[in-house]
Amino acid sequence: MTEIVYKIVEHDGGWAYKVGDVLSETFASHDDARAAADAAAARQELPGDTTDIEFEDERGVWHEETARGDDRPDTEVVDKG
């Protein structure tokens, strides 16, 4: 199963959460960033509808596949304070 890790980081004079190389918006406080990361992580685990999707990979190649609504990743929020 896929795992998605949300990391709480200092960013642009405030705090953000980071998934891979992607940063969220900047939050004024550490607690606000943590709450937003917790909420985003929880949403990732919710089941949805099975649907056809298209996505572009890191080489710029487009793919089509069916995403099962019950195939959700495990999530974790890493917060070193």
PDB file of N, CA and C in Angstrom:
ATOM      1  N   MET A   1       0.841  -1.175   0.000  1.00  0.00           N
ATOM      2  CA  MET A   1       0.000   0.000   0.000  1.00  0.00           C
ATOM      3  C   MET A   1       0.889   1.241   0.000  1.00  0.00           C
ATOM      4  N   THR A   2       0.432   2.269  -0.638  1.00  0.00           N
ATOM      5  CA  THR A   2       1.149   3.533  -0.707  1.00  0.00           C
ATOM      6  C   THR A   2       1.079   4.251   0.627  1.00  0.00           C
ATOM      7  N   GLU A   3       2.166   4.910   0.996  1.00  0.00           N
ATOM      8  CA  GLU A   3       2.183   5.732   2.206  1.00  0.00           C
ATOM      9  C   GLU A   3       2.522   7.164   1.821  1.00  0.00           C
ATOM     10  N   ILE A   4       1.768   8.100   2.360  1.00  0.00           N
ATOM     11  CA  ILE A   4       2.013   9.521   2.132  1.00  0.00           C
ATOM     12  C   ILE A   4       2.419  10.135   3.462  1.00  0.00           C
ATOM     13  N   VAL A   5       3.567  10.824   3.466  1.00  0.00           N
ATOM     14  CA  VAL A   5       4.086  11.438   4.686  1.00  0.00           C
ATOM     15  C   VAL A   5       3.982  12.950   4.568  1.00  0.00           C
ATOM     16  N   TYR A   6       3.335  13.555   5.545  1.00  0.00           N
ATOM     17  CA  TYR A   6       3.212  15.006   5.660  1.00  0.00           C
ATOM     18  C   TYR A   6       4.214  15.452   6.715  1.00  0.00           C
ATOM     19  N   LYS A   7       5.119  16.371   6.350  1.00  0.00           N
ATOM     20  CA  LYS A   7       6.121  16.862   7.292  1.00  0.00           C
ATOM     21  C   LYS A   7       5.847  18.323   7.613  1.00  0.00           C
ATOM     22  N   ILE A   8       5.889  18.665   8.893  1.00  0.00           N
ATOM     23  CA  ILE A   8       5.706  20.051   9.323  1.00  0.00           C
ATOM     24  C   ILE A   8       7.070  20.735   9.241  1.00  0.00           C
ATOM     25  N   VAL A   9       7.128  21.867   8.519  1.00  0.00           N
ATOM     26  CA  VAL A   9       8.398  22.563   8.303  1.00  0.00           C
ATOM     27  C   VAL A   9       8.206  24.073   8.448  1.00  0.00           C
ATOM     28  N   GLU A  10       9.285  24.759   8.811  1.00  0.00           N
ATOM     29  CA  GLU A  10       9.267  26.219   8.787  1.00  0.00           C
ATOM     30  C   GLU A  10       9.320  26.654   7.329  1.00  0.00           C
ATOM     31  N   HIS A  11       8.532  27.687   7.004  1.00  0.00           N
ATOM     32  CA  HIS A  11       8.471  28.129   5.601  1.00  0.00           C
ATOM     33  C   HIS A  11       8.008  29.569   5.507  1.00  0.00           C
ATOM     34  N   ASP A  12       8.775  30.368   4.812  1.00  0.00           N
ATOM     35  CA  ASP A  12       8.372  31.728   4.423  1.00  0.00           C
ATOM     36  C   ASP A  12       7.880  32.557   5.614  1.00  0.00           C
ATOM     37  N   GLY A  13       8.618  32.501   6.719  1.00  0.00           N
ATOM     38  CA  GLY A  13       8.259  33.278   7.894  1.00  0.00           C
ATOM     39  C   GLY A  13       7.170  32.670   8.757  1.00  0.00           C
ATOM     40  N   GLY A  14       6.776  31.467   8.455  1.00  0.00           N
ATOM     41  CA  GLY A  14       5.734  30.787   9.225  1.00  0.00           C
ATOM     42  C   GLY A  14       5.967  29.290   9.179  1.00  0.00           C
ATOM     43  N   TRP A  15       4.889  28.546   9.049  1.00  0.00           N
ATOM     44  CA  TRP A  15       4.940  27.088   9.055  1.00  0.00           C
ATOM     45  C   TRP A  15       4.112  26.546   7.906  1.00  0.00           C
ATOM     46  N   ALA A  16       4.482  25.362   7.414  1.00  0.00           N
ATOM     47  CA  ALA A  16       3.748  24.713   6.332  1.00  0.00           C
ATOM     48  C   ALA A  16       3.862  23.204   6.538  1.00  0.00           C
ATOM     49  N   TYR A  17       3.125  22.459   5.730  1.00  0.00           N
ATOM     50  CA  TYR A  17       3.378  21.027   5.671  1.00  0.00           C
ATOM     51  C   TYR A  17       3.878  20.711   4.270  1.00  0.00           C
ATOM     52  N   LYS A  18       4.676  19.669   4.195  1.00  0.00           N
ATOM     53  CA  LYS A  18       5.344  19.304   2.956  1.00  0.00           C
ATOM     54  C   LYS A  18       5.076  17.836   2.661  1.00  0.00           C
ATOM     55  N   VAL A  19       4.725  17.551   1.417  1.00  0.00           N
ATOM     56  CA  VAL A  19       4.552  16.180   0.943  1.00  0.00           C
ATOM     57  C   VAL A  19       5.490  16.025  -0.251  1.00  0.00           C
ATOM     58  N   GLY A  20       6.521  15.211  -0.087  1.00  0.00           N
ATOM     59  CA  GLY A  20       7.539  15.121  -1.134  1.00  0.00           C
ATOM     60  C   GLY A  20       8.223  16.467  -1.264  1.00  0.00           C
ATOM     61  N   ASP A  21       8.203  17.036  -2.460  1.00  0.00           N
ATOM     62  CA  ASP A  21       8.800  18.345  -2.706  1.00  0.00           C
ATOM     63  C   ASP A  21       7.769  19.469  -2.737  1.00  0.00           C
ATOM     64  N   VAL A  22       6.516  19.156  -2.422  1.00  0.00           N
ATOM     65  CA  VAL A  22       5.432  20.134  -2.537  1.00  0.00           C
ATOM     66  C   VAL A  22       5.073  20.691  -1.162  1.00  0.00           C
ATOM     67  N   LEU A  23       5.039  22.031  -1.075  1.00  0.00           N
ATOM     68  CA  LEU A  23       4.694  22.719   0.170  1.00  0.00           C
ATOM     69  C   LEU A  23       3.265  23.219   0.136  1.00  0.00           C
ATOM     70  N   SER A  24       2.639  23.215   1.292  1.00  0.00           N
ATOM     71  CA  SER A  24       1.307  23.804   1.434  1.00  0.00           C
ATOM     72  C   SER A  24       1.439  25.326   1.479  1.00  0.00           C
ATOM     73  N   GLU A  25       0.330  25.968   1.658  1.00  0.00           N
ATOM     74  CA  GLU A  25       0.357  27.396   1.951  1.00  0.00           C
ATOM     75  C   GLU A  25       1.080  27.603   3.280  1.00  0.00           C
ATOM     76  N   THR A  26       1.484  28.833   3.544  1.00  0.00           N
ATOM     77  CA  THR A  26       2.145  29.162   4.804  1.00  0.00           C
ATOM     78  C   THR A  26       1.097  29.487   5.860  1.00  0.00           C
ATOM     79  N   PHE A  27       1.288  28.927   7.059  1.00  0.00           N
ATOM     80  CA  PHE A  27       0.407  29.180   8.190  1.00  0.00           C
ATOM     81  C   PHE A  27       1.152  30.019   9.217  1.00  0.00           C
ATOM     82  N   ALA A  28       0.431  30.839   9.944  1.00  0.00           N
ATOM     83  CA  ALA A  28       1.045  31.749  10.912  1.00  0.00           C
ATOM     84  C   ALA A  28       1.669  31.017  12.091  1.00  0.00           C
ATOM     85  N   SER A  29       1.093  29.869  12.454  1.00  0.00           N
ATOM     86  CA  SER A  29       1.622  29.160  13.623  1.00  0.00           C
ATOM     87  C   SER A  29       1.890  27.692  13.301  1.00  0.00           C
ATOM     88  N   HIS A  30       2.737  27.126  14.113  1.00  0.00           N
ATOM     89  CA  HIS A  30       3.045  25.701  14.012  1.00  0.00           C
ATOM     90  C   HIS A  30       1.771  24.884  14.218  1.00  0.00           C
ATOM     91  N   ASP A  31       0.970  25.251  15.209  1.00  0.00           N
ATOM     92  CA  ASP A  31      -0.265  24.513  15.497  1.00  0.00           C
ATOM     93  C   ASP A  31      -1.234  24.543  14.322  1.00  0.00           C
ATOM     94  N   ASP A  32      -1.324  25.685  13.627  1.00  0.00           N
ATOM     95  CA  ASP A  32      -2.203  25.782  12.458  1.00  0.00           C
ATOM     96  C   ASP A  32      -1.722  24.858  11.334  1.00  0.00           C
ATOM     97  N   ALA A  33      -0.415  24.818  11.114  1.00  0.00           N
ATOM     98  CA  ALA A  33       0.139  23.944  10.075  1.00  0.00           C
ATOM     99  C   ALA A  33      -0.100  22.484  10.436  1.00  0.00           C
ATOM    100  N   ARG A  34       0.077  22.139  11.702  1.00  0.00           N
ATOM    101  CA  ARG A  34      -0.139  20.760  12.147  1.00  0.00           C
ATOM    102  C   ARG A  34      -1.599  20.370  11.960  1.00  0.00           C
ATOM    103  N   ALA A  35      -2.516  21.252  12.334  1.00  0.00           N
ATOM    104  CA  ALA A  35      -3.943  20.952  12.176  1.00  0.00           C
ATOM    105  C   ALA A  35      -4.305  20.768  10.705  1.00  0.00           C
ATOM    106  N   ALA A  36      -3.746  21.598   9.830  1.00  0.00           N
ATOM    107  CA  ALA A  36      -4.016  21.476   8.395  1.00  0.00           C
ATOM    108  C   ALA A  36      -3.448  20.172   7.844  1.00  0.00           C
ATOM    109  N   ALA A  37      -2.253  19.785   8.290  1.00  0.00           N
ATOM    110  CA  ALA A  37      -1.650  18.524   7.845  1.00  0.00           C
ATOM    111  C   ALA A  37      -2.473  17.337   8.328  1.00  0.00           C
ATOM    112  N   ASP A  38      -2.910  17.386   9.582  1.00  0.00           N
ATOM    113  CA  ASP A  38      -3.750  16.308  10.111  1.00  0.00           C
ATOM    114  C   ASP A  38      -5.037  16.170   9.294  1.00  0.00           C
ATOM    115  N   ALA A  39      -5.658  17.300   8.958  1.00  0.00           N
ATOM    116  CA  ALA A  39      -6.900  17.274   8.186  1.00  0.00           C
ATOM    117  C   ALA A  39      -6.663  16.743   6.771  1.00  0.00           C
ATOM    118  N   ALA A  40      -5.588  17.187   6.132  1.00  0.00           N
ATOM    119  CA  ALA A  40      -5.277  16.715   4.774  1.00  0.00           C
ATOM    120  C   ALA A  40      -4.978  15.221   4.778  1.00  0.00           C
ATOM    121  N   ALA A  41      -4.220  14.766   5.767  1.00  0.00           N
ATOM    122  CA  ALA A  41      -3.891  13.340   5.866  1.00  0.00           C
ATOM    123  C   ALA A  41      -5.153  12.504   6.067  1.00  0.00           C
ATOM    124  N   ALA A  42      -6.061  12.984   6.900  1.00  0.00           N
ATOM    125  CA  ALA A  42      -7.315  12.259   7.138  1.00  0.00           C
ATOM    126  C   ALA A  42      -8.154  12.175   5.869  1.00  0.00           C
ATOM    127  N   ARG A  43      -8.201  13.274   5.092  1.00  0.00           N
ATOM    128  CA  ARG A  43      -8.977  13.271   3.836  1.00  0.00           C
ATOM    129  C   ARG A  43      -8.402  12.272   2.834  1.00  0.00           C
ATOM    130  N   GLN A  44      -7.083  12.110   2.815  1.00  0.00           N
ATOM    131  CA  GLN A  44      -6.447  11.178   1.880  1.00  0.00           C
ATOM    132  C   GLN A  44      -6.910   9.740   2.111  1.00  0.00           C
ATOM    133  N   GLU A  45      -7.284   9.420   3.340  1.00  0.00           N
ATOM    134  CA  GLU A  45      -7.660   8.052   3.674  1.00  0.00           C
ATOM    135  C   GLU A  45      -9.146   7.762   3.459  1.00  0.00           C
ATOM    136  N   LEU A  46      -9.943   8.784   3.159  1.00  0.00           N
ATOM    137  CA  LEU A  46     -11.375   8.580   2.955  1.00  0.00           C
ATOM    138  C   LEU A  46     -11.644   7.887   1.630  1.00  0.00           C
ATOM    139  N   PRO A  47     -12.527   6.896   1.630  1.00  0.00           N
ATOM    140  CA  PRO A  47     -12.871   6.257   0.358  1.00  0.00           C
ATOM    141  C   PRO A  47     -13.658   7.220  -0.524  1.00  0.00           C
ATOM    142  N   GLY A  48     -13.607   6.966  -1.807  1.00  0.00           N
ATOM    143  CA  GLY A  48     -14.332   7.803  -2.761  1.00  0.00           C
ATOM    144  C   GLY A  48     -14.939   6.929  -3.841  1.00  0.00           C
ATOM    145  N   ASP A  49     -15.208   7.539  -4.974  1.00  0.00           N
ATOM    146  CA  ASP A  49     -15.785   6.818  -6.103  1.00  0.00           C
ATOM    147  C   ASP A  49     -14.669   6.241  -6.973  1.00  0.00           C
ATOM    148  N   THR A  50     -14.924   5.086  -7.561  1.00  0.00           N
ATOM    149  CA  THR A  50     -14.021   4.543  -8.562  1.00  0.00           C
ATOM    150  C   THR A  50     -14.196   5.375  -9.821  1.00  0.00           C
ATOM    151  N   THR A  51     -13.072   5.828 -10.394  1.00  0.00           N
ATOM    152  CA  THR A  51     -13.154   6.721 -11.547  1.00  0.00           C
ATOM    153  C   THR A  51     -11.931   6.550 -12.438  1.00  0.00           C
ATOM    154  N   ASP A  52     -12.074   6.919 -13.682  1.00  0.00           N
ATOM    155  CA  ASP A  52     -10.936   6.931 -14.596  1.00  0.00           C
ATOM    156  C   ASP A  52     -10.167   8.231 -14.387  1.00  0.00           C
ATOM    157  N   ILE A  53      -8.840   8.135 -14.362  1.00  0.00           N
ATOM    158  CA  ILE A  53      -8.005   9.312 -14.167  1.00  0.00           C
ATOM    159  C   ILE A  53      -6.935   9.373 -15.249  1.00  0.00           C
ATOM    160  N   GLU A  54      -6.419  10.567 -15.472  1.00  0.00           N
ATOM    161  CA  GLU A  54      -5.269  10.789 -16.341  1.00  0.00           C
ATOM    162  C   GLU A  54      -4.226  11.527 -15.523  1.00  0.00           C
ATOM    163  N   PHE A  55      -2.956  11.154 -15.704  1.00  0.00           N
ATOM    164  CA  PHE A  55      -1.895  11.852 -14.999  1.00  0.00           C
ATOM    165  C   PHE A  55      -0.625  11.845 -15.836  1.00  0.00           C
ATOM    166  N   GLU A  56       0.229  12.822 -15.559  1.00  0.00           N
ATOM    167  CA  GLU A  56       1.501  12.961 -16.252  1.00  0.00           C
ATOM    168  C   GLU A  56       2.616  12.521 -15.320  1.00  0.00           C
ATOM    169  N   ASP A  57       3.501  11.664 -15.793  1.00  0.00           N
ATOM    170  CA  ASP A  57       4.608  11.213 -14.943  1.00  0.00           C
ATOM    171  C   ASP A  57       5.783  12.190 -15.023  1.00  0.00           C
ATOM    172  N   GLU A  58       6.859  11.852 -14.280  1.00  0.00           N
ATOM    173  CA  GLU A  58       8.009  12.759 -14.199  1.00  0.00           C
ATOM    174  C   GLU A  58       8.731  12.925 -15.535  1.00  0.00           C
ATOM    175  N   ARG A  59       8.493  12.037 -16.497  1.00  0.00           N
ATOM    176  CA  ARG A  59       9.106  12.148 -17.826  1.00  0.00           C
ATOM    177  C   ARG A  59       8.221  12.917 -18.810  1.00  0.00           C
ATOM    178  N   GLY A  60       7.052  13.354 -18.351  1.00  0.00           N
ATOM    179  CA  GLY A  60       6.141  14.093 -19.214  1.00  0.00           C
ATOM    180  C   GLY A  60       5.214  13.208 -20.030  1.00  0.00           C
ATOM    181  N   VAL A  61       5.149  11.914 -19.705  1.00  0.00           N
ATOM    182  CA  VAL A  61       4.291  10.966 -20.417  1.00  0.00           C
ATOM    183  C   VAL A  61       2.945  10.882 -19.693  1.00  0.00           C
ATOM    184  N   TRP A  62       1.861  10.979 -20.473  1.00  0.00           N
ATOM    185  CA  TRP A  62       0.521  10.904 -19.912  1.00  0.00           C
ATOM    186  C   TRP A  62       0.048   9.458 -19.839  1.00  0.00           C
ATOM    187  N   HIS A  63      -0.692   9.138 -18.775  1.00  0.00           N
ATOM    188  CA  HIS A  63      -1.216   7.794 -18.548  1.00  0.00           C
ATOM    189  C   HIS A  63      -2.697   7.887 -18.211  1.00  0.00           C
ATOM    190  N   GLU A  64      -3.430   6.828 -18.530  1.00  0.00           N
ATOM    191  CA  GLU A  64      -4.832   6.697 -18.147  1.00  0.00           C
ATOM    192  C   GLU A  64      -4.976   5.415 -17.353  1.00  0.00           C
ATOM    193  N   GLU A  65      -5.723   5.474 -16.263  1.00  0.00           N
ATOM    194  CA  GLU A  65      -5.994   4.266 -15.481  1.00  0.00           C
ATOM    195  C   GLU A  65      -7.261   4.464 -14.673  1.00  0.00           C
ATOM    196  N   THR A  66      -7.744   3.375 -14.119  1.00  0.00           N
ATOM    197  CA  THR A  66      -8.905   3.425 -13.242  1.00  0.00           C
ATOM    198  C   THR A  66      -8.418   3.453 -11.805  1.00  0.00           C
ATOM    199  N   ALA A  67      -8.853   4.450 -11.059  1.00  0.00           N
ATOM    200  CA  ALA A  67      -8.510   4.573  -9.639  1.00  0.00           C
ATOM    201  C   ALA A  67      -9.685   4.050  -8.828  1.00  0.00           C
ATOM    202  N   ARG A  68      -9.425   2.981  -8.068  1.00  0.00           N
ATOM    203  CA  ARG A  68     -10.476   2.408  -7.224  1.00  0.00           C
ATOM    204  C   ARG A  68     -10.746   3.323  -6.036  1.00  0.00           C
ATOM    205  N   GLY A  69     -11.970   3.557  -5.753  1.00  0.00           N
ATOM    206  CA  GLY A  69     -12.351   4.441  -4.656  1.00  0.00           C
ATOM    207  C   GLY A  69     -12.004   3.911  -3.280  1.00  0.00           C
ATOM    208  N   ASP A  70     -11.784   2.601  -3.186  1.00  0.00           N
ATOM    209  CA  ASP A  70     -11.443   2.028  -1.884  1.00  0.00           C
ATOM    210  C   ASP A  70      -9.944   1.766  -1.731  1.00  0.00           C
ATOM    211  N   ASP A  71      -9.136   2.157  -2.712  1.00  0.00           N
ATOM    212  CA  ASP A  71      -7.684   1.965  -2.669  1.00  0.00           C
ATOM    213  C   ASP A  71      -7.024   3.249  -2.178  1.00  0.00           C
ATOM    214  N   ARG A  72      -7.029   3.431  -0.869  1.00  0.00           N
ATOM    215  CA  ARG A  72      -6.545   4.669  -0.268  1.00  0.00           C
ATOM    216  C   ARG A  72      -5.179   4.454   0.372  1.00  0.00           C
ATOM    217  N   PRO A  73      -4.342   5.482   0.384  1.00  0.00           N
ATOM    218  CA  PRO A  73      -3.015   5.342   0.981  1.00  0.00           C
ATOM    219  C   PRO A  73      -3.061   5.396   2.507  1.00  0.00           C
ATOM    220  N   ASP A  74      -2.009   4.893   3.125  1.00  0.00           N
ATOM    221  CA  ASP A  74      -1.785   5.142   4.541  1.00  0.00           C
ATOM    222  C   ASP A  74      -1.123   6.511   4.639  1.00  0.00           C
ATOM    223  N   THR A  75      -1.461   7.270   5.653  1.00  0.00           N
ATOM    224  CA  THR A  75      -0.857   8.590   5.830  1.00  0.00           C
ATOM    225  C   THR A  75      -0.214   8.707   7.204  1.00  0.00           C
ATOM    226  N   GLU A  76       0.751   9.605   7.276  1.00  0.00           N
ATOM    227  CA  GLU A  76       1.439   9.877   8.536  1.00  0.00           C
ATOM    228  C   GLU A  76       1.832  11.341   8.555  1.00  0.00           C
ATOM    229  N   VAL A  77       1.710  11.981   9.706  1.00  0.00           N
ATOM    230  CA  VAL A  77       2.180  13.346   9.887  1.00  0.00           C
ATOM    231  C   VAL A  77       3.420  13.280  10.769  1.00  0.00           C
ATOM    232  N   VAL A  78       4.544  13.803  10.238  1.00  0.00           N
ATOM    233  CA  VAL A  78       5.804  13.826  10.972  1.00  0.00           C
ATOM    234  C   VAL A  78       6.030  15.251  11.448  1.00  0.00           C
ATOM    235  N   ASP A  79       6.155  15.404  12.763  1.00  0.00           N
ATOM    236  CA  ASP A  79       6.284  16.731  13.354  1.00  0.00           C
ATOM    237  C   ASP A  79       7.382  16.683  14.414  1.00  0.00           C
ATOM    238  N   LYS A  80       8.517  17.256  14.077  1.00  0.00           N
ATOM    239  CA  LYS A  80       9.632  17.260  15.021  1.00  0.00           C
ATOM    240  C   LYS A  80       9.638  18.506  15.888  1.00  0.00           C
ATOM    241  N   GLY A  81       8.499  19.211  15.899  1.00  0.00           N
ATOM    242  CA  GLY A  81       8.336  20.341  16.791  1.00  0.00           C
ATOM    243  C   GLY A  81       8.950  21.581  16.288  1.00  0.00           C
TER     244      GLY A  81
END
